[in-house]
Full PDB file with SEQRES, HELIX, SHEET, SSBOND, CRYST1, ORIGX, SCALE, CONECT and MASTER records, all heavy atoms in Angstrom:
SEQRES   1 A   33  LYS ASN GLN ASN LYS GLN LYS ALA LYS GLU TRP TYR ASN          
SEQRES   2 A   33  MET ARG ASP PHE ALA THR PRO GLU GLN LEU VAL VAL LEU          
SEQRES   3 A   33  THR ASN LEU GLU PHE LYS ASN                                  
HELIX    1 AA1 LYS A    9  TRP A   11  5                                   3    
HELIX    2 AA2 MET A   14  PHE A   17  5                                   4    
HELIX    3 AA3 PRO A   20  LYS A   32  1                                  13    
CRYST1    1.000    1.000    1.000  90.00  90.00  90.00 P 1           1          
ORIGX1      1.000000  0.000000  0.000000        0.00000                         
ORIGX2      0.000000  1.000000  0.000000        0.00000                         
ORIGX3      0.000000  0.000000  1.000000        0.00000                         
SCALE1      1.000000  0.000000  0.000000        0.00000                         
SCALE2      0.000000  1.000000  0.000000        0.00000                         
SCALE3      0.000000  0.000000  1.000000        0.00000                         
ATOM      1  N   LYS A   1       9.387  -3.354   0.282  1.00  0.00           N  
ATOM      2  CA  LYS A   1      10.061  -4.395  -0.564  1.00  0.00           C  
ATOM      3  C   LYS A   1      11.080  -5.153   0.214  1.00  0.00           C  
ATOM      4  O   LYS A   1      11.204  -6.355   0.070  1.00  0.00           O  
ATOM      5  CB  LYS A   1      10.721  -3.658  -1.758  1.00  0.00           C  
ATOM      6  CG  LYS A   1      11.378  -4.568  -2.695  1.00  0.00           C  
ATOM      7  CD  LYS A   1      11.957  -3.786  -3.910  1.00  0.00           C  
ATOM      8  CE  LYS A   1      12.639  -4.786  -4.877  1.00  0.00           C  
ATOM      9  NZ  LYS A   1      13.227  -4.010  -6.085  1.00  0.00           N  
ATOM     10  N   ASN A   2      11.842  -4.491   1.100  1.00  0.00           N  
ATOM     11  CA  ASN A   2      12.840  -5.186   1.877  1.00  0.00           C  
ATOM     12  C   ASN A   2      12.227  -6.186   2.840  1.00  0.00           C  
ATOM     13  O   ASN A   2      12.807  -7.240   3.093  1.00  0.00           O  
ATOM     14  CB  ASN A   2      13.708  -4.140   2.631  1.00  0.00           C  
ATOM     15  CG  ASN A   2      14.606  -3.305   1.741  1.00  0.00           C  
ATOM     16  OD1 ASN A   2      14.861  -3.696   0.570  1.00  0.00           O  
ATOM     17  ND2 ASN A   2      14.970  -2.198   2.185  1.00  0.00           N  
ATOM     18  N   GLN A   3      11.089  -5.833   3.369  1.00  0.00           N  
ATOM     19  CA  GLN A   3      10.382  -6.743   4.352  1.00  0.00           C  
ATOM     20  C   GLN A   3       9.904  -7.969   3.625  1.00  0.00           C  
ATOM     21  O   GLN A   3       9.684  -9.027   4.268  1.00  0.00           O  
ATOM     22  CB  GLN A   3       9.243  -6.037   5.025  1.00  0.00           C  
ATOM     23  CG  GLN A   3       9.624  -5.009   6.032  1.00  0.00           C  
ATOM     24  CD  GLN A   3       8.456  -4.460   6.811  1.00  0.00           C  
ATOM     25  OE1 GLN A   3       7.311  -4.861   6.554  1.00  0.00           O  
ATOM     26  NE2 GLN A   3       8.675  -3.563   7.738  1.00  0.00           N  
ATOM     27  N   ASN A   4       9.533  -7.880   2.341  1.00  0.00           N  
ATOM     28  CA  ASN A   4       8.941  -8.959   1.623  1.00  0.00           C  
ATOM     29  C   ASN A   4       9.806  -9.542   0.429  1.00  0.00           C  
ATOM     30  O   ASN A   4       9.255 -10.107  -0.494  1.00  0.00           O  
ATOM     31  CB  ASN A   4       7.567  -8.517   1.072  1.00  0.00           C  
ATOM     32  CG  ASN A   4       6.590  -8.185   2.154  1.00  0.00           C  
ATOM     33  OD1 ASN A   4       5.970  -9.083   2.765  1.00  0.00           O  
ATOM     34  ND2 ASN A   4       6.527  -6.922   2.485  1.00  0.00           N  
ATOM     35  N   LYS A   5      11.086  -9.288   0.530  1.00  0.00           N  
ATOM     36  CA  LYS A   5      11.930  -9.755  -0.585  1.00  0.00           C  
ATOM     37  C   LYS A   5      12.018 -11.248  -0.772  1.00  0.00           C  
ATOM     38  O   LYS A   5      12.449 -11.687  -1.793  1.00  0.00           O  
ATOM     39  CB  LYS A   5      13.347  -9.160  -0.429  1.00  0.00           C  
ATOM     40  CG  LYS A   5      14.039  -9.478   0.872  1.00  0.00           C  
ATOM     41  CD  LYS A   5      15.350  -8.748   0.960  1.00  0.00           C  
ATOM     42  CE  LYS A   5      16.107  -8.988   2.207  1.00  0.00           C  
ATOM     43  NZ  LYS A   5      17.335  -8.204   2.340  1.00  0.00           N  
ATOM     44  N   GLN A   6      11.630 -11.987   0.304  1.00  0.00           N  
ATOM     45  CA  GLN A   6      11.554 -13.446   0.107  1.00  0.00           C  
ATOM     46  C   GLN A   6      10.311 -13.956  -0.524  1.00  0.00           C  
ATOM     47  O   GLN A   6      10.173 -15.139  -0.817  1.00  0.00           O  
ATOM     48  CB  GLN A   6      11.744 -14.114   1.535  1.00  0.00           C  
ATOM     49  CG  GLN A   6      13.004 -13.727   2.281  1.00  0.00           C  
ATOM     50  CD  GLN A   6      14.195 -14.141   1.542  1.00  0.00           C  
ATOM     51  OE1 GLN A   6      14.225 -15.178   0.860  1.00  0.00           O  
ATOM     52  NE2 GLN A   6      15.315 -13.416   1.709  1.00  0.00           N  
ATOM     53  N   LYS A   7       9.346 -13.009  -0.752  1.00  0.00           N  
ATOM     54  CA  LYS A   7       8.057 -13.404  -1.327  1.00  0.00           C  
ATOM     55  C   LYS A   7       8.066 -12.967  -2.800  1.00  0.00           C  
ATOM     56  O   LYS A   7       8.984 -12.334  -3.317  1.00  0.00           O  
ATOM     57  CB  LYS A   7       6.932 -12.732  -0.556  1.00  0.00           C  
ATOM     58  CG  LYS A   7       6.873 -13.144   0.887  1.00  0.00           C  
ATOM     59  CD  LYS A   7       5.694 -12.489   1.633  1.00  0.00           C  
ATOM     60  CE  LYS A   7       5.653 -12.870   3.091  1.00  0.00           C  
ATOM     61  NZ  LYS A   7       4.529 -12.200   3.766  1.00  0.00           N  
ATOM     62  N   ALA A   8       6.898 -13.289  -3.425  1.00  0.00           N  
ATOM     63  CA  ALA A   8       6.797 -12.932  -4.872  1.00  0.00           C  
ATOM     64  C   ALA A   8       6.655 -11.381  -5.001  1.00  0.00           C  
ATOM     65  O   ALA A   8       6.322 -10.676  -4.068  1.00  0.00           O  
ATOM     66  CB  ALA A   8       5.515 -13.557  -5.460  1.00  0.00           C  
ATOM     67  N   LYS A   9       6.890 -10.881  -6.180  1.00  0.00           N  
ATOM     68  CA  LYS A   9       6.929  -9.427  -6.377  1.00  0.00           C  
ATOM     69  C   LYS A   9       5.595  -8.741  -6.119  1.00  0.00           C  
ATOM     70  O   LYS A   9       5.565  -7.559  -5.792  1.00  0.00           O  
ATOM     71  CB  LYS A   9       7.322  -9.106  -7.858  1.00  0.00           C  
ATOM     72  CG  LYS A   9       8.800  -9.445  -8.086  1.00  0.00           C  
ATOM     73  CD  LYS A   9       9.266  -8.992  -9.496  1.00  0.00           C  
ATOM     74  CE  LYS A   9      10.688  -9.181  -9.718  1.00  0.00           C  
ATOM     75  NZ  LYS A   9      11.116  -8.750 -11.105  1.00  0.00           N  
ATOM     76  N   GLU A  10       4.500  -9.435  -6.262  1.00  0.00           N  
ATOM     77  CA  GLU A  10       3.222  -8.840  -5.981  1.00  0.00           C  
ATOM     78  C   GLU A  10       3.050  -8.422  -4.540  1.00  0.00           C  
ATOM     79  O   GLU A  10       2.121  -7.643  -4.236  1.00  0.00           O  
ATOM     80  CB  GLU A  10       2.017  -9.772  -6.451  1.00  0.00           C  
ATOM     81  CG  GLU A  10       2.057 -11.085  -5.830  1.00  0.00           C  
ATOM     82  CD  GLU A  10       2.727 -12.137  -6.737  1.00  0.00           C  
ATOM     83  OE1 GLU A  10       3.542 -11.731  -7.557  1.00  0.00           O  
ATOM     84  OE2 GLU A  10       2.412 -13.313  -6.650  1.00  0.00           O  
ATOM     85  N   TRP A  11       3.887  -8.876  -3.630  1.00  0.00           N  
ATOM     86  CA  TRP A  11       3.814  -8.498  -2.225  1.00  0.00           C  
ATOM     87  C   TRP A  11       4.521  -7.177  -1.980  1.00  0.00           C  
ATOM     88  O   TRP A  11       4.429  -6.645  -0.920  1.00  0.00           O  
ATOM     89  CB  TRP A  11       4.502  -9.617  -1.351  1.00  0.00           C  
ATOM     90  CG  TRP A  11       3.603 -10.742  -1.149  1.00  0.00           C  
ATOM     91  CD1 TRP A  11       3.358 -11.808  -1.978  1.00  0.00           C  
ATOM     92  CD2 TRP A  11       2.756 -10.994  -0.045  1.00  0.00           C  
ATOM     93  NE1 TRP A  11       2.516 -12.747  -1.390  1.00  0.00           N  
ATOM     94  CE2 TRP A  11       2.064 -12.219  -0.157  1.00  0.00           C  
ATOM     95  CE3 TRP A  11       2.453 -10.272   1.195  1.00  0.00           C  
ATOM     96  CZ2 TRP A  11       1.182 -12.726   0.701  1.00  0.00           C  
ATOM     97  CZ3 TRP A  11       1.609 -10.817   2.121  1.00  0.00           C  
ATOM     98  CH2 TRP A  11       0.963 -12.021   1.852  1.00  0.00           C  
ATOM     99  N   TYR A  12       5.260  -6.699  -2.957  1.00  0.00           N  
ATOM    100  CA  TYR A  12       6.008  -5.480  -2.769  1.00  0.00           C  
ATOM    101  C   TYR A  12       5.124  -4.193  -2.664  1.00  0.00           C  
ATOM    102  O   TYR A  12       5.533  -3.334  -1.921  1.00  0.00           O  
ATOM    103  CB  TYR A  12       7.031  -5.275  -3.942  1.00  0.00           C  
ATOM    104  CG  TYR A  12       8.125  -6.314  -4.032  1.00  0.00           C  
ATOM    105  CD1 TYR A  12       9.010  -6.295  -5.084  1.00  0.00           C  
ATOM    106  CD2 TYR A  12       8.288  -7.261  -3.027  1.00  0.00           C  
ATOM    107  CE1 TYR A  12       9.993  -7.255  -5.211  1.00  0.00           C  
ATOM    108  CE2 TYR A  12       9.290  -8.170  -3.157  1.00  0.00           C  
ATOM    109  CZ  TYR A  12      10.127  -8.188  -4.159  1.00  0.00           C  
ATOM    110  OH  TYR A  12      11.161  -9.121  -4.299  1.00  0.00           O  
ATOM    111  N   ASN A  13       4.030  -4.171  -3.348  1.00  0.00           N  
ATOM    112  CA  ASN A  13       3.212  -2.933  -3.376  1.00  0.00           C  
ATOM    113  C   ASN A  13       2.320  -2.937  -2.176  1.00  0.00           C  
ATOM    114  O   ASN A  13       1.288  -3.719  -2.083  1.00  0.00           O  
ATOM    115  CB  ASN A  13       2.432  -2.873  -4.679  1.00  0.00           C  
ATOM    116  CG  ASN A  13       1.726  -1.491  -4.843  1.00  0.00           C  
ATOM    117  OD1 ASN A  13       1.529  -0.782  -3.927  1.00  0.00           O  
ATOM    118  ND2 ASN A  13       1.478  -1.168  -6.097  1.00  0.00           N  
ATOM    119  N   MET A  14       2.593  -2.071  -1.209  1.00  0.00           N  
ATOM    120  CA  MET A  14       1.779  -1.993   0.005  1.00  0.00           C  
ATOM    121  C   MET A  14       0.334  -1.556  -0.322  1.00  0.00           C  
ATOM    122  O   MET A  14      -0.575  -1.942   0.449  1.00  0.00           O  
ATOM    123  CB  MET A  14       2.430  -1.094   1.050  1.00  0.00           C  
ATOM    124  CG  MET A  14       2.416   0.354   0.621  1.00  0.00           C  
ATOM    125  SD  MET A  14       3.285   1.382   1.843  1.00  0.00           S  
ATOM    126  CE  MET A  14       4.991   1.098   1.486  1.00  0.00           C  
ATOM    127  N   ARG A  15       0.130  -0.818  -1.343  1.00  0.00           N  
ATOM    128  CA  ARG A  15      -1.192  -0.318  -1.606  1.00  0.00           C  
ATOM    129  C   ARG A  15      -2.146  -1.416  -2.150  1.00  0.00           C  
ATOM    130  O   ARG A  15      -3.340  -1.353  -1.929  1.00  0.00           O  
ATOM    131  CB  ARG A  15      -1.127   0.796  -2.632  1.00  0.00           C  
ATOM    132  CG  ARG A  15      -0.247   2.013  -2.116  1.00  0.00           C  
ATOM    133  CD  ARG A  15      -0.225   3.196  -3.020  1.00  0.00           C  
ATOM    134  NE  ARG A  15       0.607   4.214  -2.534  1.00  0.00           N  
ATOM    135  CZ  ARG A  15       0.553   5.493  -2.788  1.00  0.00           C  
ATOM    136  NH1 ARG A  15      -0.399   5.870  -3.696  1.00  0.00           N  
ATOM    137  NH2 ARG A  15       1.368   6.388  -2.299  1.00  0.00           N  
ATOM    138  N   ASP A  16      -1.590  -2.470  -2.679  1.00  0.00           N  
ATOM    139  CA  ASP A  16      -2.386  -3.604  -3.184  1.00  0.00           C  
ATOM    140  C   ASP A  16      -2.929  -4.372  -1.902  1.00  0.00           C  
ATOM    141  O   ASP A  16      -3.985  -5.037  -2.029  1.00  0.00           O  
ATOM    142  CB  ASP A  16      -1.574  -4.572  -4.049  1.00  0.00           C  
ATOM    143  CG  ASP A  16      -1.335  -3.970  -5.416  1.00  0.00           C  
ATOM    144  OD1 ASP A  16      -2.126  -3.060  -5.818  1.00  0.00           O  
ATOM    145  OD2 ASP A  16      -0.493  -4.497  -6.133  1.00  0.00           O  
ATOM    146  N   PHE A  17      -2.306  -4.252  -0.802  1.00  0.00           N  
ATOM    147  CA  PHE A  17      -2.715  -5.018   0.395  1.00  0.00           C  
ATOM    148  C   PHE A  17      -3.335  -4.102   1.459  1.00  0.00           C  
ATOM    149  O   PHE A  17      -3.496  -4.551   2.608  1.00  0.00           O  
ATOM    150  CB  PHE A  17      -1.526  -5.840   0.916  1.00  0.00           C  
ATOM    151  CG  PHE A  17      -1.117  -6.903   0.015  1.00  0.00           C  
ATOM    152  CD1 PHE A  17      -0.177  -6.701  -0.964  1.00  0.00           C  
ATOM    153  CD2 PHE A  17      -1.610  -8.204   0.103  1.00  0.00           C  
ATOM    154  CE1 PHE A  17       0.257  -7.640  -1.856  1.00  0.00           C  
ATOM    155  CE2 PHE A  17      -1.208  -9.204  -0.779  1.00  0.00           C  
ATOM    156  CZ  PHE A  17      -0.309  -8.930  -1.771  1.00  0.00           C  
ATOM    157  N   ALA A  18      -3.574  -2.875   1.054  1.00  0.00           N  
ATOM    158  CA  ALA A  18      -4.216  -1.912   2.043  1.00  0.00           C  
ATOM    159  C   ALA A  18      -5.716  -2.299   2.284  1.00  0.00           C  
ATOM    160  O   ALA A  18      -6.338  -2.839   1.419  1.00  0.00           O  
ATOM    161  CB  ALA A  18      -4.101  -0.545   1.500  1.00  0.00           C  
ATOM    162  N   THR A  19      -6.102  -1.940   3.468  1.00  0.00           N  
ATOM    163  CA  THR A  19      -7.570  -2.128   3.805  1.00  0.00           C  
ATOM    164  C   THR A  19      -8.354  -1.070   3.084  1.00  0.00           C  
ATOM    165  O   THR A  19      -7.834  -0.048   2.652  1.00  0.00           O  
ATOM    166  CB  THR A  19      -7.773  -2.055   5.247  1.00  0.00           C  
ATOM    167  OG1 THR A  19      -7.466  -0.766   5.781  1.00  0.00           O  
ATOM    168  CG2 THR A  19      -6.879  -3.058   5.977  1.00  0.00           C  
ATOM    169  N   PRO A  20      -9.708  -1.292   2.976  1.00  0.00           N  
ATOM    170  CA  PRO A  20     -10.571  -0.242   2.399  1.00  0.00           C  
ATOM    171  C   PRO A  20     -10.450   1.107   3.147  1.00  0.00           C  
ATOM    172  O   PRO A  20     -10.439   2.166   2.438  1.00  0.00           O  
ATOM    173  CB  PRO A  20     -11.957  -0.800   2.477  1.00  0.00           C  
ATOM    174  CG  PRO A  20     -11.756  -2.255   2.462  1.00  0.00           C  
ATOM    175  CD  PRO A  20     -10.495  -2.488   3.181  1.00  0.00           C  
ATOM    176  N   GLU A  21     -10.308   1.028   4.451  1.00  0.00           N  
ATOM    177  CA  GLU A  21     -10.182   2.230   5.239  1.00  0.00           C  
ATOM    178  C   GLU A  21      -8.894   3.012   4.908  1.00  0.00           C  
ATOM    179  O   GLU A  21      -8.832   4.206   4.783  1.00  0.00           O  
ATOM    180  CB  GLU A  21     -10.204   1.932   6.751  1.00  0.00           C  
ATOM    181  CG  GLU A  21     -11.559   1.433   7.253  1.00  0.00           C  
ATOM    182  CD  GLU A  21     -11.729  -0.083   7.027  1.00  0.00           C  
ATOM    183  OE1 GLU A  21     -10.762  -0.673   6.522  1.00  0.00           O  
ATOM    184  OE2 GLU A  21     -12.785  -0.590   7.420  1.00  0.00           O  
ATOM    185  N   GLN A  22      -7.839   2.186   4.786  1.00  0.00           N  
ATOM    186  CA  GLN A  22      -6.503   2.799   4.484  1.00  0.00           C  
ATOM    187  C   GLN A  22      -6.536   3.459   3.060  1.00  0.00           C  
ATOM    188  O   GLN A  22      -5.942   4.506   2.848  1.00  0.00           O  
ATOM    189  CB  GLN A  22      -5.409   1.756   4.566  1.00  0.00           C  
ATOM    190  CG  GLN A  22      -5.049   1.274   5.922  1.00  0.00           C  
ATOM    191  CD  GLN A  22      -4.075   0.193   5.984  1.00  0.00           C  
ATOM    192  OE1 GLN A  22      -4.137  -0.695   5.119  1.00  0.00           O  
ATOM    193  NE2 GLN A  22      -3.217   0.175   7.027  1.00  0.00           N  
ATOM    194  N   LEU A  23      -7.255   2.814   2.156  1.00  0.00           N  
ATOM    195  CA  LEU A  23      -7.284   3.404   0.782  1.00  0.00           C  
ATOM    196  C   LEU A  23      -8.057   4.703   0.813  1.00  0.00           C  
ATOM    197  O   LEU A  23      -7.737   5.630   0.045  1.00  0.00           O  
ATOM    198  CB  LEU A  23      -7.942   2.370  -0.197  1.00  0.00           C  
ATOM    199  CG  LEU A  23      -7.131   1.142  -0.500  1.00  0.00           C  
ATOM    200  CD1 LEU A  23      -7.932   0.168  -1.420  1.00  0.00           C  
ATOM    201  CD2 LEU A  23      -5.841   1.584  -1.218  1.00  0.00           C  
ATOM    202  N   VAL A  24      -9.155   4.728   1.574  1.00  0.00           N  
ATOM    203  CA  VAL A  24      -9.895   6.011   1.671  1.00  0.00           C  
ATOM    204  C   VAL A  24      -9.039   7.141   2.185  1.00  0.00           C  
ATOM    205  O   VAL A  24      -8.965   8.239   1.638  1.00  0.00           O  
ATOM    206  CB  VAL A  24     -11.125   5.823   2.527  1.00  0.00           C  
ATOM    207  CG1 VAL A  24     -11.833   7.178   2.805  1.00  0.00           C  
ATOM    208  CG2 VAL A  24     -12.132   4.935   1.804  1.00  0.00           C  
ATOM    209  N   VAL A  25      -8.333   6.837   3.303  1.00  0.00           N  
ATOM    210  CA  VAL A  25      -7.408   7.802   3.867  1.00  0.00           C  
ATOM    211  C   VAL A  25      -6.278   8.159   2.937  1.00  0.00           C  
ATOM    212  O   VAL A  25      -5.876   9.303   2.869  1.00  0.00           O  
ATOM    213  CB  VAL A  25      -6.866   7.245   5.247  1.00  0.00           C  
ATOM    214  CG1 VAL A  25      -5.884   8.234   5.798  1.00  0.00           C  
ATOM    215  CG2 VAL A  25      -7.989   7.050   6.239  1.00  0.00           C  
ATOM    216  N   LEU A  26      -5.812   7.190   2.214  1.00  0.00           N  
ATOM    217  CA  LEU A  26      -4.688   7.397   1.288  1.00  0.00           C  
ATOM    218  C   LEU A  26      -5.054   8.404   0.211  1.00  0.00           C  
ATOM    219  O   LEU A  26      -4.299   9.292  -0.109  1.00  0.00           O  
ATOM    220  CB  LEU A  26      -4.251   6.106   0.666  1.00  0.00           C  
ATOM    221  CG  LEU A  26      -3.055   6.122  -0.335  1.00  0.00           C  
ATOM    222  CD1 LEU A  26      -1.782   6.531   0.438  1.00  0.00           C  
ATOM    223  CD2 LEU A  26      -2.919   4.808  -0.990  1.00  0.00           C  
ATOM    224  N   THR A  27      -6.238   8.248  -0.392  1.00  0.00           N  
ATOM    225  CA  THR A  27      -6.617   9.238  -1.381  1.00  0.00           C  
ATOM    226  C   THR A  27      -6.807  10.623  -0.771  1.00  0.00           C  
ATOM    227  O   THR A  27      -6.494  11.620  -1.472  1.00  0.00           O  
ATOM    228  CB  THR A  27      -7.967   8.771  -2.094  1.00  0.00           C  
ATOM    229  OG1 THR A  27      -8.992   8.556  -1.056  1.00  0.00           O  
ATOM    230  CG2 THR A  27      -7.766   7.432  -2.784  1.00  0.00           C  
ATOM    231  N   ASN A  28      -7.352  10.678   0.403  1.00  0.00           N  
ATOM    232  CA  ASN A  28      -7.506  11.971   1.072  1.00  0.00           C  
ATOM    233  C   ASN A  28      -6.164  12.665   1.353  1.00  0.00           C  
ATOM    234  O   ASN A  28      -6.003  13.851   1.218  1.00  0.00           O  
ATOM    235  CB  ASN A  28      -8.263  11.837   2.372  1.00  0.00           C  
ATOM    236  CG  ASN A  28      -9.718  11.442   2.191  1.00  0.00           C  
ATOM    237  OD1 ASN A  28     -10.269  11.613   1.098  1.00  0.00           O  
ATOM    238  ND2 ASN A  28     -10.361  10.898   3.224  1.00  0.00           N  
ATOM    239  N   LEU A  29      -5.180  11.848   1.753  1.00  0.00           N  
ATOM    240  CA  LEU A  29      -3.839  12.357   2.013  1.00  0.00           C  
ATOM    241  C   LEU A  29      -3.195  12.891   0.726  1.00  0.00           C  
ATOM    242  O   LEU A  29      -2.492  13.893   0.777  1.00  0.00           O  
ATOM    243  CB  LEU A  29      -2.921  11.286   2.657  1.00  0.00           C  
ATOM    244  CG  LEU A  29      -3.321  10.785   4.033  1.00  0.00           C  
ATOM    245  CD1 LEU A  29      -2.267   9.837   4.525  1.00  0.00           C  
ATOM    246  CD2 LEU A  29      -3.505  11.916   5.039  1.00  0.00           C  
ATOM    247  N   GLU A  30      -3.385  12.146  -0.363  1.00  0.00           N  
ATOM    248  CA  GLU A  30      -2.752  12.598  -1.624  1.00  0.00           C  
ATOM    249  C   GLU A  30      -3.374  13.938  -2.053  1.00  0.00           C  
ATOM    250  O   GLU A  30      -2.658  14.859  -2.521  1.00  0.00           O  
ATOM    251  CB  GLU A  30      -3.118  11.556  -2.718  1.00  0.00           C  
ATOM    252  CG  GLU A  30      -2.233  10.296  -2.506  1.00  0.00           C  
ATOM    253  CD  GLU A  30      -2.612   9.217  -3.526  1.00  0.00           C  
ATOM    254  OE1 GLU A  30      -3.733   9.249  -4.019  1.00  0.00           O  
ATOM    255  OE2 GLU A  30      -1.770   8.276  -3.743  1.00  0.00           O  
ATOM    256  N   PHE A  31      -4.716  14.133  -1.876  1.00  0.00           N  
ATOM    257  CA  PHE A  31      -5.287  15.390  -2.197  1.00  0.00           C  
ATOM    258  C   PHE A  31      -4.813  16.481  -1.324  1.00  0.00           C  
ATOM    259  O   PHE A  31      -4.529  17.613  -1.678  1.00  0.00           O  
ATOM    260  CB  PHE A  31      -6.851  15.285  -2.186  1.00  0.00           C  
ATOM    261  CG  PHE A  31      -7.534  16.561  -2.554  1.00  0.00           C  
ATOM    262  CD1 PHE A  31      -7.636  16.894  -3.883  1.00  0.00           C  
ATOM    263  CD2 PHE A  31      -8.051  17.374  -1.589  1.00  0.00           C  
ATOM    264  CE1 PHE A  31      -8.288  18.095  -4.310  1.00  0.00           C  
ATOM    265  CE2 PHE A  31      -8.649  18.586  -1.924  1.00  0.00           C  
ATOM    266  CZ  PHE A  31      -8.782  18.934  -3.304  1.00  0.00           C  
ATOM    267  N   LYS A  32      -4.746  16.174   0.036  1.00  0.00           N  
ATOM    268  CA  LYS A  32      -4.284  17.134   0.983  1.00  0.00           C  
ATOM    269  C   LYS A  32      -2.846  17.525   0.722  1.00  0.00           C  
ATOM    270  O   LYS A  32      -2.466  18.740   0.819  1.00  0.00           O  
ATOM    271  CB  LYS A  32      -4.409  16.538   2.431  1.00  0.00           C  
ATOM    272  CG  LYS A  32      -3.999  17.494   3.565  1.00  0.00           C  
ATOM    273  CD  LYS A  32      -4.906  18.718   3.635  1.00  0.00           C  
ATOM    274  CE  LYS A  32      -4.535  19.557   4.767  1.00  0.00           C  
ATOM    275  NZ  LYS A  32      -5.409  20.767   4.854  1.00  0.00           N  
ATOM    276  N   ASN A  33      -2.015  16.570   0.373  1.00  0.00           N  
ATOM    277  CA  ASN A  33      -0.628  16.882   0.062  1.00  0.00           C  
ATOM    278  C   ASN A  33      -0.542  17.848  -1.163  1.00  0.00           C  
ATOM    279  O   ASN A  33       0.334  18.693  -1.223  1.00  0.00           O  
ATOM    280  CB  ASN A  33       0.173  15.597  -0.235  1.00  0.00           C  
ATOM    281  CG  ASN A  33       1.700  15.854  -0.195  1.00  0.00           C  
ATOM    282  OD1 ASN A  33       2.188  16.676   0.586  1.00  0.00           O  
ATOM    283  ND2 ASN A  33       2.364  15.159  -1.117  1.00  0.00           N  
TER     284      ASN A  33                                                      
MASTER        0    0    0    3    0    0    0    6  283    1    0    3          
END                                                                             
C-alpha cells in the first residue's frame, strides 16, 4: 500500500496483480502454513 499510495486503491492488493504462477504458489503456501 505504501508503494502505491499515489495510485488508485485497486493497486493496493498485491494478490490482484499476481501472476498465475504466483497464485498457484500462494495457495500452496497457505495450505502448507
